[in-house]
Amino acid sequence: MEKATLAGGCFWCTEAIFKRLKGVLEVIPGYAGGNMDNPSYEDVSTGKTGHAETIQITFDPQVIPYEKLLDVYWHLIDPTTLNRQGGDVGTQYRSVIFYHNEEQKRTAEQSKKKVEQSGMYKDPIVTKIEPFTNFYLAENYHQNYYERNSSVPYCRLVIDPKIRKLLKYLGD
């Protein structure tokens, strides 16, 4: 098994998306890329910790390769907005691929270049590719948020359309 660590806006959204992929064994919301040990949601929400809302994915590369995870990532976030995904604004919502080794770094750079050259987005891609340094588990109430709260307005208005987009992308 391997790990992928991705930030792309609200971790409720990214967790709900990546949990639906065959070959993904676990998706854990948390915080990464900052300079504060064991931050809380309230700490990260200030924008002063340097952390981004992040998911850590455990996946079977024989079933879903890292490249495919990145392809899904590029299709389901807006990599052209700095420190923002939709209505979620602040450095904690920035898009970052945190690579765990040199192979992931190369793959992420190639993937980003491919997306840039594809013309998929008219604006420049601002997603960063950075080395993985830390990951802190988010509070329990953030875990499996969509599954436990699918009827709340945020889930219905923000996450449901992303899931529909994923299903369309996968051809289901």
C-alpha atoms as a PDB file:
ATOM      1  CA  MET A   1       0.000   0.000   0.000  1.00  0.00           C
ATOM      2  CA  GLU A   2       1.052   3.597  -0.599  1.00  0.00           C
ATOM      3  CA  LYS A   3       0.044   6.999   0.717  1.00  0.00           C
ATOM      4  CA  ALA A   4      -0.916  10.137  -1.169  1.00  0.00           C
ATOM      5  CA  THR A   5      -1.409  13.454   0.611  1.00  0.00           C
ATOM      6  CA  LEU A   6      -3.466  16.083  -1.190  1.00  0.00           C
ATOM      7  CA  ALA A   7      -4.898  19.479  -0.294  1.00  0.00           C
ATOM      8  CA  GLY A   8      -7.642  20.873  -2.483  1.00  0.00           C
ATOM      9  CA  GLY A   9     -10.048  22.944  -0.468  1.00  0.00           C
ATOM     10  CA  CYS A  10     -12.398  21.656   2.179  1.00  0.00           C
ATOM     11  CA  PHE A  11     -11.391  18.186   3.287  1.00  0.00           C
ATOM     12  CA  TRP A  12     -15.048  17.185   3.605  1.00  0.00           C
ATOM     13  CA  CYS A  13     -15.260  17.448  -0.191  1.00  0.00           C
ATOM     14  CA  THR A  14     -12.017  15.721  -1.085  1.00  0.00           C
ATOM     15  CA  GLU A  15     -12.604  12.923   1.426  1.00  0.00           C
ATOM     16  CA  ALA A  16     -16.067  12.233  -0.032  1.00  0.00           C
ATOM     17  CA  ILE A  17     -14.647  12.083  -3.553  1.00  0.00           C
ATOM     18  CA  PHE A  18     -11.589   9.921  -3.025  1.00  0.00           C
ATOM     19  CA  LYS A  19     -13.406   7.405  -0.801  1.00  0.00           C
ATOM     20  CA  ARG A  20     -15.438   6.437  -3.857  1.00  0.00           C
ATOM     21  CA  LEU A  21     -12.482   5.255  -5.917  1.00  0.00           C
ATOM     22  CA  LYS A  22     -11.764   1.567  -6.340  1.00  0.00           C
ATOM     23  CA  GLY A  23      -8.363   0.785  -4.858  1.00  0.00           C
ATOM     24  CA  VAL A  24      -8.578   3.495  -2.208  1.00  0.00           C
ATOM     25  CA  LEU A  25      -8.539   1.796   1.172  1.00  0.00           C
ATOM     26  CA  GLU A  26      -8.725   4.800   3.490  1.00  0.00           C
ATOM     27  CA  VAL A  27      -9.076   8.568   3.311  1.00  0.00           C
ATOM     28  CA  ILE A  28      -8.283  10.573   6.427  1.00  0.00           C
ATOM     29  CA  PRO A  29      -8.944  14.319   6.758  1.00  0.00           C
ATOM     30  CA  GLY A  30      -6.297  16.335   8.538  1.00  0.00           C
ATOM     31  CA  TYR A  31      -3.885  19.223   8.349  1.00  0.00           C
ATOM     32  CA  ALA A  32      -0.525  19.376   6.572  1.00  0.00           C
ATOM     33  CA  GLY A  33       2.178  21.714   5.415  1.00  0.00           C
ATOM     34  CA  GLY A  34       2.259  24.053   8.372  1.00  0.00           C
ATOM     35  CA  ASN A  35       4.509  25.007  11.216  1.00  0.00           C
ATOM     36  CA  MET A  36       2.332  24.231  14.255  1.00  0.00           C
ATOM     37  CA  ASP A  37       2.350  20.833  15.961  1.00  0.00           C
ATOM     38  CA  ASN A  38      -1.039  19.205  16.555  1.00  0.00           C
ATOM     39  CA  PRO A  39      -3.193  22.091  15.297  1.00  0.00           C
ATOM     40  CA  SER A  40      -6.916  22.169  15.889  1.00  0.00           C
ATOM     41  CA  TYR A  41      -9.521  23.130  13.298  1.00  0.00           C
ATOM     42  CA  GLU A  42      -9.853  26.478  15.059  1.00  0.00           C
ATOM     43  CA  ASP A  43      -6.071  27.017  14.812  1.00  0.00           C
ATOM     44  CA  VAL A  44      -5.958  26.154  11.119  1.00  0.00           C
ATOM     45  CA  SER A  45      -9.021  28.317  10.397  1.00  0.00           C
ATOM     46  CA  THR A  46      -7.089  31.430  11.447  1.00  0.00           C
ATOM     47  CA  GLY A  47      -4.798  30.980   8.458  1.00  0.00           C
ATOM     48  CA  LYS A  48      -1.788  31.544  10.714  1.00  0.00           C
ATOM     49  CA  THR A  49      -0.552  27.950  11.135  1.00  0.00           C
ATOM     50  CA  GLY A  50       0.566  27.434   7.545  1.00  0.00           C
ATOM     51  CA  HIS A  51      -1.477  24.221   7.409  1.00  0.00           C
ATOM     52  CA  ALA A  52      -3.933  23.338   4.677  1.00  0.00           C
ATOM     53  CA  GLU A  53      -7.002  21.167   5.038  1.00  0.00           C
ATOM     54  CA  THR A  54      -5.663  17.938   3.600  1.00  0.00           C
ATOM     55  CA  ILE A  55      -6.558  14.332   3.018  1.00  0.00           C
ATOM     56  CA  GLN A  56      -4.209  11.412   3.372  1.00  0.00           C
ATOM     57  CA  ILE A  57      -5.115   8.527   1.104  1.00  0.00           C
ATOM     58  CA  THR A  58      -4.012   4.938   1.561  1.00  0.00           C
ATOM     59  CA  PHE A  59      -4.291   3.189  -1.784  1.00  0.00           C
ATOM     60  CA  ASP A  60      -3.330   0.030  -3.609  1.00  0.00           C
ATOM     61  CA  PRO A  61      -1.181   1.102  -6.580  1.00  0.00           C
ATOM     62  CA  GLN A  62      -1.925  -2.207  -8.309  1.00  0.00           C
ATOM     63  CA  VAL A  63      -5.605  -1.196  -8.455  1.00  0.00           C
ATOM     64  CA  ILE A  64      -5.362   2.590  -8.766  1.00  0.00           C
ATOM     65  CA  PRO A  65      -1.999   4.107  -9.632  1.00  0.00           C
ATOM     66  CA  TYR A  66      -0.853   7.411  -8.144  1.00  0.00           C
ATOM     67  CA  GLU A  67      -1.215   9.003 -11.604  1.00  0.00           C
ATOM     68  CA  LYS A  68      -4.928   8.173 -11.610  1.00  0.00           C
ATOM     69  CA  LEU A  69      -5.405   9.745  -8.167  1.00  0.00           C
ATOM     70  CA  LEU A  70      -3.788  12.911  -9.505  1.00  0.00           C
ATOM     71  CA  ASP A  71      -5.952  12.828 -12.620  1.00  0.00           C
ATOM     72  CA  VAL A  72      -9.076  12.714 -10.442  1.00  0.00           C
ATOM     73  CA  TYR A  73      -7.620  15.507  -8.289  1.00  0.00           C
ATOM     74  CA  TRP A  74      -7.066  17.826 -11.290  1.00  0.00           C
ATOM     75  CA  HIS A  75     -10.600  17.214 -12.547  1.00  0.00           C
ATOM     76  CA  LEU A  76     -12.352  17.820  -9.226  1.00  0.00           C
ATOM     77  CA  ILE A  77     -10.645  20.899  -7.810  1.00  0.00           C
ATOM     78  CA  ASP A  78      -9.999  24.309  -9.305  1.00  0.00           C
ATOM     79  CA  PRO A  79      -6.198  24.424  -9.490  1.00  0.00           C
ATOM     80  CA  THR A  80      -6.252  27.994 -10.825  1.00  0.00           C
ATOM     81  CA  THR A  81      -7.463  29.782  -7.700  1.00  0.00           C
ATOM     82  CA  LEU A  82      -4.893  30.763  -5.103  1.00  0.00           C
ATOM     83  CA  ASN A  83      -5.925  29.991  -1.521  1.00  0.00           C
ATOM     84  CA  ARG A  84      -9.491  29.262  -2.531  1.00  0.00           C
ATOM     85  CA  GLN A  85     -11.878  26.535  -3.613  1.00  0.00           C
ATOM     86  CA  GLY A  86     -15.335  27.851  -4.367  1.00  0.00           C
ATOM     87  CA  GLY A  87     -16.651  29.753  -1.355  1.00  0.00           C
ATOM     88  CA  ASP A  88     -13.881  28.471   0.935  1.00  0.00           C
ATOM     89  CA  VAL A  89     -11.211  31.166   1.096  1.00  0.00           C
ATOM     90  CA  GLY A  90      -7.888  31.307   2.940  1.00  0.00           C
ATOM     91  CA  THR A  91      -4.465  29.687   2.875  1.00  0.00           C
ATOM     92  CA  GLN A  92      -5.960  26.651   4.604  1.00  0.00           C
ATOM     93  CA  TYR A  93      -7.896  25.956   1.367  1.00  0.00           C
ATOM     94  CA  ARG A  94      -4.932  26.150  -0.996  1.00  0.00           C
ATOM     95  CA  SER A  95      -4.225  23.319  -3.417  1.00  0.00           C
ATOM     96  CA  VAL A  96      -1.052  21.343  -2.768  1.00  0.00           C
ATOM     97  CA  ILE A  97       0.250  17.935  -3.734  1.00  0.00           C
ATOM     98  CA  PHE A  98       2.504  16.762  -0.897  1.00  0.00           C
ATOM     99  CA  TYR A  99       4.831  14.133  -2.342  1.00  0.00           C
ATOM    100  CA  HIS A 100       6.209  11.309  -0.183  1.00  0.00           C
ATOM    101  CA  ASN A 101       9.195  10.362  -2.367  1.00  0.00           C
ATOM    102  CA  GLU A 102      11.043  11.355  -5.520  1.00  0.00           C
ATOM    103  CA  GLU A 103       8.880   9.120  -7.702  1.00  0.00           C
ATOM    104  CA  GLN A 104       5.723  10.870  -6.485  1.00  0.00           C
ATOM    105  CA  LYS A 105       7.391  14.229  -7.042  1.00  0.00           C
ATOM    106  CA  ARG A 106       8.264  13.356 -10.655  1.00  0.00           C
ATOM    107  CA  THR A 107       4.794  11.957 -11.270  1.00  0.00           C
ATOM    108  CA  ALA A 108       3.122  15.049  -9.791  1.00  0.00           C
ATOM    109  CA  GLU A 109       5.284  17.409 -11.862  1.00  0.00           C
ATOM    110  CA  GLN A 110       4.563  15.434 -15.062  1.00  0.00           C
ATOM    111  CA  SER A 111       0.862  15.337 -14.234  1.00  0.00           C
ATOM    112  CA  LYS A 112       0.721  19.080 -13.626  1.00  0.00           C
ATOM    113  CA  LYS A 113       2.605  19.779 -16.857  1.00  0.00           C
ATOM    114  CA  LYS A 114       0.213  17.521 -18.781  1.00  0.00           C
ATOM    115  CA  VAL A 115      -2.797  19.394 -17.378  1.00  0.00           C
ATOM    116  CA  GLU A 116      -1.206  22.770 -18.151  1.00  0.00           C
ATOM    117  CA  GLN A 117      -0.525  21.721 -21.746  1.00  0.00           C
ATOM    118  CA  SER A 118      -3.986  20.204 -22.199  1.00  0.00           C
ATOM    119  CA  GLY A 119      -5.802  23.533 -22.057  1.00  0.00           C
ATOM    120  CA  MET A 120      -8.232  22.083 -19.517  1.00  0.00           C
ATOM    121  CA  TYR A 121      -8.010  25.372 -17.608  1.00  0.00           C
ATOM    122  CA  LYS A 122      -7.770  28.791 -19.237  1.00  0.00           C
ATOM    123  CA  ASP A 123      -6.043  30.372 -16.223  1.00  0.00           C
ATOM    124  CA  PRO A 124      -2.583  29.358 -14.961  1.00  0.00           C
ATOM    125  CA  ILE A 125      -2.402  26.482 -12.485  1.00  0.00           C
ATOM    126  CA  VAL A 126      -1.287  27.665  -9.048  1.00  0.00           C
ATOM    127  CA  THR A 127      -1.298  24.280  -7.278  1.00  0.00           C
ATOM    128  CA  LYS A 128       1.990  23.705  -5.478  1.00  0.00           C
ATOM    129  CA  ILE A 129       3.978  20.483  -5.353  1.00  0.00           C
ATOM    130  CA  GLU A 130       5.789  20.255  -2.030  1.00  0.00           C
ATOM    131  CA  PRO A 131       7.577  17.605   0.013  1.00  0.00           C
ATOM    132  CA  PHE A 132       5.485  15.892   2.657  1.00  0.00           C
ATOM    133  CA  THR A 133       6.643  17.021   6.098  1.00  0.00           C
ATOM    134  CA  ASN A 134       3.758  16.474   8.489  1.00  0.00           C
ATOM    135  CA  PHE A 135       0.158  15.402   8.782  1.00  0.00           C
ATOM    136  CA  TYR A 136      -2.123  15.838  11.764  1.00  0.00           C
ATOM    137  CA  LEU A 137      -5.423  14.029  12.054  1.00  0.00           C
ATOM    138  CA  ALA A 138      -8.490  16.279  12.038  1.00  0.00           C
ATOM    139  CA  GLU A 139     -10.978  16.080  14.874  1.00  0.00           C
ATOM    140  CA  ASN A 140     -13.431  13.162  14.955  1.00  0.00           C
ATOM    141  CA  TYR A 141     -16.365  15.282  13.810  1.00  0.00           C
ATOM    142  CA  HIS A 142     -14.538  15.896  10.499  1.00  0.00           C
ATOM    143  CA  GLN A 143     -14.023  12.185   9.813  1.00  0.00           C
ATOM    144  CA  ASN A 144     -16.522  10.655   7.363  1.00  0.00           C
ATOM    145  CA  TYR A 145     -18.343  13.975   7.384  1.00  0.00           C
ATOM    146  CA  TYR A 146     -20.307  13.478   4.188  1.00  0.00           C
ATOM    147  CA  GLU A 147     -21.486  10.000   5.116  1.00  0.00           C
ATOM    148  CA  ARG A 148     -22.759  11.255   8.461  1.00  0.00           C
ATOM    149  CA  ASN A 149     -24.199  14.578   7.230  1.00  0.00           C
ATOM    150  CA  SER A 150     -25.203  14.131   3.596  1.00  0.00           C
ATOM    151  CA  SER A 151     -28.489  15.992   4.061  1.00  0.00           C
ATOM    152  CA  VAL A 152     -27.007  19.234   5.436  1.00  0.00           C
ATOM    153  CA  PRO A 153     -27.000  22.167   2.981  1.00  0.00           C
ATOM    154  CA  TYR A 154     -23.190  22.276   2.512  1.00  0.00           C
ATOM    155  CA  CYS A 155     -23.133  18.629   1.494  1.00  0.00           C
ATOM    156  CA  ARG A 156     -26.107  18.966  -0.829  1.00  0.00           C
ATOM    157  CA  LEU A 157     -24.923  22.200  -2.454  1.00  0.00           C
ATOM    158  CA  VAL A 158     -21.153  21.666  -2.592  1.00  0.00           C
ATOM    159  CA  ILE A 159     -20.254  17.982  -2.217  1.00  0.00           C
ATOM    160  CA  ASP A 160     -23.128  16.333  -4.123  1.00  0.00           C
ATOM    161  CA  PRO A 161     -22.240  18.156  -7.381  1.00  0.00           C
ATOM    162  CA  LYS A 162     -18.609  17.054  -6.987  1.00  0.00           C
ATOM    163  CA  ILE A 163     -19.704  13.444  -6.559  1.00  0.00           C
ATOM    164  CA  ARG A 164     -21.895  13.712  -9.660  1.00  0.00           C
ATOM    165  CA  LYS A 165     -18.932  15.186 -11.530  1.00  0.00           C
ATOM    166  CA  LEU A 166     -16.753  12.275 -10.389  1.00  0.00           C
ATOM    167  CA  LEU A 167     -19.314   9.715 -11.525  1.00  0.00           C
ATOM    168  CA  LYS A 168     -19.568  11.436 -14.909  1.00  0.00           C
ATOM    169  CA  TYR A 169     -15.765  11.548 -15.167  1.00  0.00           C
ATOM    170  CA  LEU A 170     -15.541   7.818 -14.341  1.00  0.00           C
ATOM    171  CA  GLY A 171     -18.287   7.083 -16.849  1.00  0.00           C
ATOM    172  CA  ASP A 172     -20.650   5.566 -14.268  1.00  0.00           C
END
